[in-house]
Amino acid sequence: MKTEINETEKLTPEEKALLKEEIKKAWSEFPTEMKRFLIDVKKEKLKALYMIEGWAKQNGHQTILDLISRRIAHKEAKIKQLEAEV
């Protein structure tokens, strides 16, 4: 039976923040291969952000461009930090 998205219980903003914090605390315990995989996933997501950034530049969406550029800078810094911890 197919589960509809609306039928699943979504995390509240507080639960999402808690999950993120718990993962940060446990990061040092993760196996190296799992850390590398998660970093690779973050890099793939970063590629998507670059694509959106390029599209926004070409199509005059300044608000998207301003916000996504900041997000990209933050993601790049985070990835460097995580890679240093592997």
Protein backbone atom coordinates (compact mmCIF):
# COMPACT_ATOMS: atom_id res chain seq x y z
CA MET A 1 0.00 0.00 0.00
CA LYS A 2 1.37 3.40 -0.99
CA THR A 3 1.81 5.91 1.85
CA GLU A 4 0.84 9.46 1.01
CA ILE A 5 3.10 12.26 2.21
CA ASN A 6 0.19 13.82 4.06
CA GLU A 7 -0.29 10.58 6.03
CA THR A 8 3.22 10.64 7.49
CA GLU A 9 3.99 12.58 10.62
CA LYS A 10 6.32 15.46 9.80
CA LEU A 11 8.91 16.59 12.35
CA THR A 12 8.15 19.87 14.05
CA PRO A 13 10.73 22.67 13.71
CA GLU A 14 11.78 21.94 17.30
CA GLU A 15 12.23 18.23 16.55
CA LYS A 16 14.24 19.04 13.42
CA ALA A 17 16.53 21.29 15.46
CA LEU A 18 16.89 18.60 18.13
CA LEU A 19 17.72 15.94 15.54
CA LYS A 20 20.33 18.20 13.94
CA GLU A 21 21.91 18.89 17.33
CA GLU A 22 21.97 15.19 18.29
CA ILE A 23 23.62 14.30 14.97
CA LYS A 24 26.26 16.99 15.56
CA LYS A 25 26.96 15.56 19.01
CA ALA A 26 27.27 12.00 17.66
CA TRP A 27 29.30 12.90 14.54
CA SER A 28 32.62 11.81 16.07
CA GLU A 29 31.13 8.36 16.73
CA PHE A 30 30.02 7.77 13.15
CA PRO A 31 32.12 5.29 11.15
CA THR A 32 34.51 6.96 8.69
CA GLU A 33 32.74 5.50 5.65
CA MET A 34 29.42 6.88 6.83
CA LYS A 35 30.97 10.32 7.37
CA ARG A 36 32.47 10.26 3.86
CA PHE A 37 29.14 9.24 2.36
CA LEU A 38 27.29 12.03 4.18
CA ILE A 39 29.89 14.57 3.02
CA ASP A 40 29.49 13.32 -0.56
CA VAL A 41 25.72 13.79 -0.28
CA LYS A 42 26.27 17.37 0.95
CA LYS A 43 28.53 18.00 -2.06
CA GLU A 44 25.80 16.75 -4.41
CA LYS A 45 23.28 19.06 -2.76
CA LEU A 46 25.78 21.88 -3.21
CA LYS A 47 25.87 21.15 -6.95
CA ALA A 48 22.09 21.64 -7.04
CA LEU A 49 22.47 24.99 -5.28
CA TYR A 50 25.06 26.06 -7.89
CA MET A 51 22.59 25.15 -10.64
CA ILE A 52 19.86 27.24 -9.00
CA GLU A 53 22.33 30.09 -8.55
CA GLY A 54 23.25 30.00 -12.24
CA TRP A 55 19.61 29.93 -13.28
CA ALA A 56 18.81 32.87 -10.98
CA LYS A 57 21.68 34.91 -12.49
CA GLN A 58 20.54 34.22 -16.04
CA ASN A 59 16.88 34.93 -15.33
CA GLY A 60 17.10 38.02 -13.15
CA HIS A 61 15.91 36.55 -9.86
CA GLN A 62 17.96 38.74 -7.54
CA THR A 63 16.36 37.66 -4.26
CA ILE A 64 17.01 33.98 -5.02
CA LEU A 65 20.55 34.84 -6.10
CA ASP A 66 21.31 36.83 -2.94
CA LEU A 67 19.95 34.17 -0.61
CA ILE A 68 21.35 31.14 -2.40
CA SER A 69 24.81 32.70 -2.65
CA ARG A 70 24.88 33.05 1.14
CA ARG A 71 23.62 29.50 1.55
CA ILE A 72 26.32 28.20 -0.81
CA ALA A 73 29.05 29.98 1.15
CA HIS A 74 27.74 28.49 4.39
CA LYS A 75 27.49 24.98 2.89
CA GLU A 76 31.03 25.18 1.48
CA ALA A 77 32.42 26.19 4.87
CA LYS A 78 30.47 23.40 6.60
CA ILE A 79 31.75 20.79 4.16
CA LYS A 80 35.35 21.93 4.73
CA GLN A 81 34.81 21.65 8.48
CA LEU A 82 33.35 18.16 8.20
CA GLU A 83 36.13 17.00 5.90
CA ALA A 84 38.71 18.20 8.42
CA GLU A 85 37.03 16.02 11.06
CA VAL A 86 37.15 12.79 9.02
